[in-house]
Protein backbone atom coordinates (compact mmCIF):
# COMPACT_ATOMS: atom_id res chain seq x y z
CA MET A 1 55.47 -52.07 -66.88
CA THR A 2 53.94 -49.24 -68.84
CA MET A 3 53.66 -45.78 -67.33
CA ARG A 4 49.87 -46.23 -67.17
CA GLU A 5 50.34 -49.39 -65.11
CA ILE A 6 52.83 -47.67 -62.79
CA ILE A 7 50.45 -44.78 -62.18
CA GLU A 8 47.55 -47.15 -61.62
CA GLU A 9 49.50 -49.30 -59.16
CA LYS A 10 50.78 -46.34 -57.11
CA LEU A 11 47.35 -44.73 -56.87
CA ALA A 12 45.66 -48.01 -55.95
CA GLN A 13 48.15 -48.58 -53.14
CA ALA A 14 47.94 -45.01 -51.83
CA PHE A 15 44.17 -44.45 -51.98
CA SER A 16 42.39 -47.85 -51.95
CA PRO A 17 39.91 -46.49 -54.49
CA SER A 18 36.41 -47.74 -55.12
CA PHE A 19 37.00 -46.74 -58.75
CA LEU A 20 40.23 -45.99 -60.60
CA GLN A 21 40.75 -45.45 -64.28
CA VAL A 22 44.01 -44.30 -65.86
CA ASP A 23 43.84 -43.45 -69.55
CA ASP A 24 46.92 -42.85 -71.67
CA GLU A 25 45.90 -39.88 -73.81
CA SER A 26 49.28 -39.40 -75.46
CA TYR A 27 47.75 -40.29 -78.84
CA MET A 28 45.75 -37.03 -78.64
CA HIS A 29 48.92 -34.93 -78.48
CA ALA A 30 51.87 -34.07 -80.69
CA ALA A 31 54.13 -36.41 -78.70
CA GLY A 32 52.31 -39.36 -80.27
CA PRO A 33 50.71 -42.56 -79.01
CA LYS A 34 53.95 -44.20 -77.83
CA ALA A 35 55.11 -41.24 -75.73
CA GLN A 36 53.31 -42.32 -72.52
CA SER A 37 53.38 -38.67 -71.47
CA HIS A 38 49.74 -37.51 -71.17
CA PHE A 39 47.32 -39.20 -68.79
CA LYS A 40 43.77 -38.80 -67.51
CA VAL A 41 43.10 -40.14 -64.02
CA THR A 42 39.65 -40.73 -62.57
CA LEU A 43 39.99 -41.57 -58.90
CA VAL A 44 37.12 -42.24 -56.49
CA THR A 45 37.94 -42.81 -52.84
CA GLU A 46 36.66 -42.19 -49.33
CA VAL A 47 40.06 -40.63 -48.61
CA PHE A 48 38.83 -37.45 -50.36
CA THR A 49 35.85 -36.98 -48.04
CA GLY A 50 35.95 -33.48 -46.56
CA LYS A 51 38.89 -32.40 -48.72
CA ARG A 52 38.85 -29.62 -51.27
CA LEU A 53 39.87 -30.18 -54.86
CA LEU A 54 43.30 -28.59 -54.44
CA ALA A 55 44.14 -30.84 -51.47
CA ARG A 56 43.07 -33.91 -53.44
CA HIS A 57 45.23 -32.96 -56.39
CA ARG A 58 48.20 -32.24 -54.14
CA GLU A 59 47.88 -35.71 -52.62
CA VAL A 60 47.80 -37.36 -56.05
CA ASN A 61 50.73 -35.25 -57.26
CA ALA A 62 52.74 -36.21 -54.17
CA VAL A 63 52.18 -39.92 -54.83
CA LEU A 64 53.24 -39.47 -58.47
CA ALA A 65 56.08 -36.99 -57.85
CA ALA A 66 58.74 -39.17 -59.50
CA GLU A 67 56.64 -39.73 -62.61
CA LEU A 68 55.75 -36.03 -62.88
CA ALA A 69 59.43 -35.12 -62.56
CA GLY A 70 60.21 -37.58 -65.35
CA SER A 71 58.37 -38.53 -68.51
CA VAL A 72 54.81 -37.56 -67.54
CA HIS A 73 54.10 -34.21 -69.16
CA ALA A 74 50.39 -33.83 -68.37
CA LEU A 75 48.02 -35.32 -65.82
CA ALA A 76 44.30 -34.56 -65.98
CA LEU A 77 42.83 -35.32 -62.56
CA HIS A 78 39.18 -36.10 -61.81
CA THR A 79 38.98 -36.80 -58.09
CA TYR A 80 35.75 -37.69 -56.33
CA THR A 81 34.28 -39.11 -53.17
CA PRO A 82 31.96 -42.09 -53.78
CA GLU A 83 28.94 -39.81 -53.20
CA GLU A 84 30.19 -37.23 -55.73
CA TRP A 85 30.90 -40.00 -58.22
CA GLN A 86 27.38 -41.36 -57.84
CA LYS A 87 25.91 -37.88 -58.41
CA ARG A 88 27.95 -37.67 -61.62
CA GLN A 89 26.35 -40.98 -62.63
CA ASN A 90 29.77 -42.65 -62.60
CA ASN A 91 31.03 -40.48 -65.43
CA ALA A 92 34.08 -38.21 -65.68
CA PRO A 93 34.34 -35.38 -68.22
CA GLN A 94 35.89 -36.07 -71.59
CA SER A 95 39.27 -34.51 -72.27
CA PRO A 96 39.25 -31.69 -74.81
CA PRO A 97 41.17 -32.18 -78.05
CA CYS A 98 44.73 -30.92 -78.06
CA HIS A 99 45.68 -28.36 -80.68
CA GLY A 100 49.01 -30.11 -81.11
CA GLY A 101 47.44 -33.54 -81.54
CA GLU A 102 46.83 -35.56 -84.63
């Protein structure tokens, strides 16, 4: 299993999302495309209803604690309730280019 698949599986099990997208953005960084070290997560779930952004991120970080303690160097989190996601027109922000990337 790739790191992207591991992250995706753990988040799907923990949050039962209505939308989940995990993008490996390692290619945008100096580590290179095969590093599997930089990820962007877009996670939409009812579980986040009534929770502030920091609480949402803490929950995701807790689920991925082993990965974050290991090879995952960066994790961009975009966490929404279904209503927030709909207001965003089902679109998460693009990641900015990395100054160390290619």
